[in-house]
C-alpha atoms as a PDB file:
ATOM      1  CA  MET A   1       1.116 -18.718  15.136  1.00  0.00           C
ATOM      2  CA  SER A   2      -0.725 -21.385  17.116  1.00  0.00           C
ATOM      3  CA  GLU A   3       1.957 -23.670  17.414  1.00  0.00           C
ATOM      4  CA  ILE A   4       4.010 -20.465  19.083  1.00  0.00           C
ATOM      5  CA  GLU A   5       1.207 -19.424  20.849  1.00  0.00           C
ATOM      6  CA  ALA A   6       0.722 -23.123  22.288  1.00  0.00           C
ATOM      7  CA  ALA A   7       4.784 -23.172  23.586  1.00  0.00           C
ATOM      8  CA  PRO A   8       5.045 -23.361  27.031  1.00  0.00           C
ATOM      9  CA  ARG A   9       5.620 -20.060  28.553  1.00  0.00           C
ATOM     10  CA  SER A  10       8.470 -20.626  29.840  1.00  0.00           C
ATOM     11  CA  TRP A  11      10.237 -19.937  26.667  1.00  0.00           C
ATOM     12  CA  LEU A  12       7.339 -17.798  25.993  1.00  0.00           C
ATOM     13  CA  ASP A  13       8.853 -14.107  26.156  1.00  0.00           C
ATOM     14  CA  GLY A  14       8.211 -11.305  24.266  1.00  0.00           C
ATOM     15  CA  HIS A  15      11.110 -11.284  22.292  1.00  0.00           C
ATOM     16  CA  SER A  16      11.291 -14.388  21.185  1.00  0.00           C
ATOM     17  CA  PHE A  17       7.426 -14.654  20.251  1.00  0.00           C
ATOM     18  CA  SER A  18       8.313 -11.651  18.146  1.00  0.00           C
ATOM     19  CA  SER A  19      11.336 -13.420  16.583  1.00  0.00           C
ATOM     20  CA  GLU A  20       9.640 -16.386  15.552  1.00  0.00           C
ATOM     21  CA  LEU A  21       6.277 -14.168  13.963  1.00  0.00           C
ATOM     22  CA  ASP A  22       8.949 -11.458  12.530  1.00  0.00           C
ATOM     23  CA  ALA A  23      10.673 -14.710  10.477  1.00  0.00           C
ATOM     24  CA  LEU A  24       6.850 -16.255   9.639  1.00  0.00           C
ATOM     25  CA  ALA A  25       5.893 -12.836   8.107  1.00  0.00           C
ATOM     26  CA  SER A  26       9.074 -12.492   6.367  1.00  0.00           C
ATOM     27  CA  ASN A  27       8.034 -15.581   4.239  1.00  0.00           C
ATOM     28  CA  THR A  28       4.614 -13.715   2.690  1.00  0.00           C
ATOM     29  CA  ALA A  29       4.137 -16.044   0.078  1.00  0.00           C
ATOM     30  CA  ASN A  30       2.560 -18.411   2.501  1.00  0.00           C
ATOM     31  CA  LEU A  31       0.577 -15.314   4.238  1.00  0.00           C
ATOM     32  CA  THR A  32      -3.235 -14.379   3.811  1.00  0.00           C
ATOM     33  CA  ASP A  33      -2.694  -9.841   3.625  1.00  0.00           C
ATOM     34  CA  GLU A  34      -4.691 -10.220   6.939  1.00  0.00           C
ATOM     35  CA  GLU A  35      -2.483 -13.070   7.993  1.00  0.00           C
ATOM     36  CA  ARG A  36       0.509 -10.908   7.577  1.00  0.00           C
ATOM     37  CA  ARG A  37      -1.039  -7.458   9.193  1.00  0.00           C
ATOM     38  CA  GLY A  38      -1.497  -9.915  12.376  1.00  0.00           C
ATOM     39  CA  CYS A  39       1.889 -10.576  12.988  1.00  0.00           C
ATOM     40  CA  ILE A  40       3.043  -7.104  11.992  1.00  0.00           C
ATOM     41  CA  ALA A  41       0.558  -6.021  14.962  1.00  0.00           C
ATOM     42  CA  GLU A  42       1.519  -9.008  17.371  1.00  0.00           C
ATOM     43  CA  ILE A  43       5.357  -8.603  16.281  1.00  0.00           C
ATOM     44  CA  ILE A  44       5.066  -4.659  17.120  1.00  0.00           C
ATOM     45  CA  ALA A  45       2.965  -5.223  20.943  1.00  0.00           C
ATOM     46  CA  HIS A  46       5.411  -7.662  21.379  1.00  0.00           C
ATOM     47  CA  ARG A  47       8.523  -5.346  21.363  1.00  0.00           C
ATOM     48  CA  PHE A  48       7.497  -2.624  23.293  1.00  0.00           C
ATOM     49  CA  HIS A  49       9.043  -2.778  27.205  1.00  0.00           C
ATOM     50  CA  PRO A  50       8.306  -1.399  30.296  1.00  0.00           C
ATOM     51  CA  THR A  51       9.216   1.948  31.633  1.00  0.00           C
ATOM     52  CA  THR A  52       9.722   2.818  34.827  1.00  0.00           C
ATOM     53  CA  PRO A  53       8.217   5.284  37.399  1.00  0.00           C
ATOM     54  CA  ALA A  54      11.794   7.206  37.069  1.00  0.00           C
ATOM     55  CA  ASP A  55      11.587   7.284  33.271  1.00  0.00           C
ATOM     56  CA  ARG A  56       8.798   6.879  31.205  1.00  0.00           C
ATOM     57  CA  GLY A  57      10.301   6.767  28.347  1.00  0.00           C
ATOM     58  CA  PRO A  58      10.453   8.846  24.860  1.00  0.00           C
ATOM     59  CA  TRP A  59       6.544   8.725  24.612  1.00  0.00           C
ATOM     60  CA  ASP A  60       5.471   9.556  28.766  1.00  0.00           C
ATOM     61  CA  SER A  61       4.108   5.992  28.395  1.00  0.00           C
ATOM     62  CA  TYR A  62       3.481   2.975  30.397  1.00  0.00           C
ATOM     63  CA  PHE A  63       5.269   1.005  27.201  1.00  0.00           C
ATOM     64  CA  GLY A  64       8.931   2.475  25.668  1.00  0.00           C
ATOM     65  CA  PRO A  65      10.879   1.176  22.778  1.00  0.00           C
ATOM     66  CA  THR A  66      13.271  -1.403  22.888  1.00  0.00           C
ATOM     67  CA  SER A  67      15.995   0.778  22.396  1.00  0.00           C
ATOM     68  CA  SER A  68      16.851   3.748  20.219  1.00  0.00           C
ATOM     69  CA  GLY A  69      19.499   5.548  17.790  1.00  0.00           C
ATOM     70  CA  THR A  70      19.978   8.559  15.488  1.00  0.00           C
ATOM     71  CA  ASP A  71      19.860   8.212  11.991  1.00  0.00           C
ATOM     72  CA  GLN A  72      22.324   9.847   9.381  1.00  0.00           C
ATOM     73  CA  ASN A  73      20.296  13.049  10.064  1.00  0.00           C
ATOM     74  CA  GLY A  74      20.418  13.462  13.540  1.00  0.00           C
ATOM     75  CA  ASN A  75      16.559  12.194  14.352  1.00  0.00           C
ATOM     76  CA  GLU A  76      15.891  10.058  17.065  1.00  0.00           C
ATOM     77  CA  VAL A  77      14.581   6.813  15.976  1.00  0.00           C
ATOM     78  CA  TYR A  78      12.974   4.128  18.310  1.00  0.00           C
ATOM     79  CA  ILE A  79      12.543   0.694  17.763  1.00  0.00           C
ATOM     80  CA  PRO A  80      10.103  -0.171  17.981  1.00  0.00           C
ATOM     81  CA  ASP A  81       8.081   3.135  17.320  1.00  0.00           C
ATOM     82  CA  ALA A  82       4.710   4.306  18.251  1.00  0.00           C
ATOM     83  CA  LYS A  83       4.522   5.515  14.594  1.00  0.00           C
ATOM     84  CA  GLN A  84       3.761   2.167  13.616  1.00  0.00           C
ATOM     85  CA  ILE A  85       0.892   2.086  15.230  1.00  0.00           C
ATOM     86  CA  ASP A  86      -2.302   2.717  13.538  1.00  0.00           C
ATOM     87  CA  ALA A  87      -6.037   2.512  14.550  1.00  0.00           C
ATOM     88  CA  GLU A  88      -6.482  -0.466  12.677  1.00  0.00           C
ATOM     89  CA  ILE A  89      -3.351  -1.646  14.629  1.00  0.00           C
ATOM     90  CA  ILE A  90      -5.572  -1.052  18.060  1.00  0.00           C
ATOM     91  CA  GLU A  91      -8.630  -2.869  16.917  1.00  0.00           C
ATOM     92  CA  TYR A  92      -6.684  -5.935  16.406  1.00  0.00           C
ATOM     93  CA  TRP A  93      -4.996  -5.644  19.765  1.00  0.00           C
ATOM     94  CA  LYS A  94      -8.684  -5.053  20.992  1.00  0.00           C
ATOM     95  CA  VAL A  95     -10.048  -9.006  19.551  1.00  0.00           C
ATOM     96  CA  ARG A  96      -6.705 -10.008  20.652  1.00  0.00           C
ATOM     97  CA  SER A  97      -6.631  -9.328  24.684  1.00  0.00           C
ATOM     98  CA  VAL A  98     -10.129 -10.760  24.989  1.00  0.00           C
ATOM     99  CA  VAL A  99      -8.814 -13.842  22.920  1.00  0.00           C
ATOM    100  CA  VAL A 100      -5.544 -14.291  25.033  1.00  0.00           C
END
């Protein structure tokens, strides 16, 4: 992760960053549980997109999903989904906000 963070900022946009982490996290044999959970928290965070004042997205918030659709049962699906965020991820984000 330190190599990814050290990359030039012009390259380091949210989607590229989350894609690199996704590739890293998929090889779980090389990661501890804590590292894997950290990667997941980073991936989720960097996949949300800012909404506009005119369209606050499905959660009426500043950040919204990258995409949405409907599953085979007719349920709305969001990618990423705010339901992925739990207390542990919020705490991780709080710590990271001071570090970065």
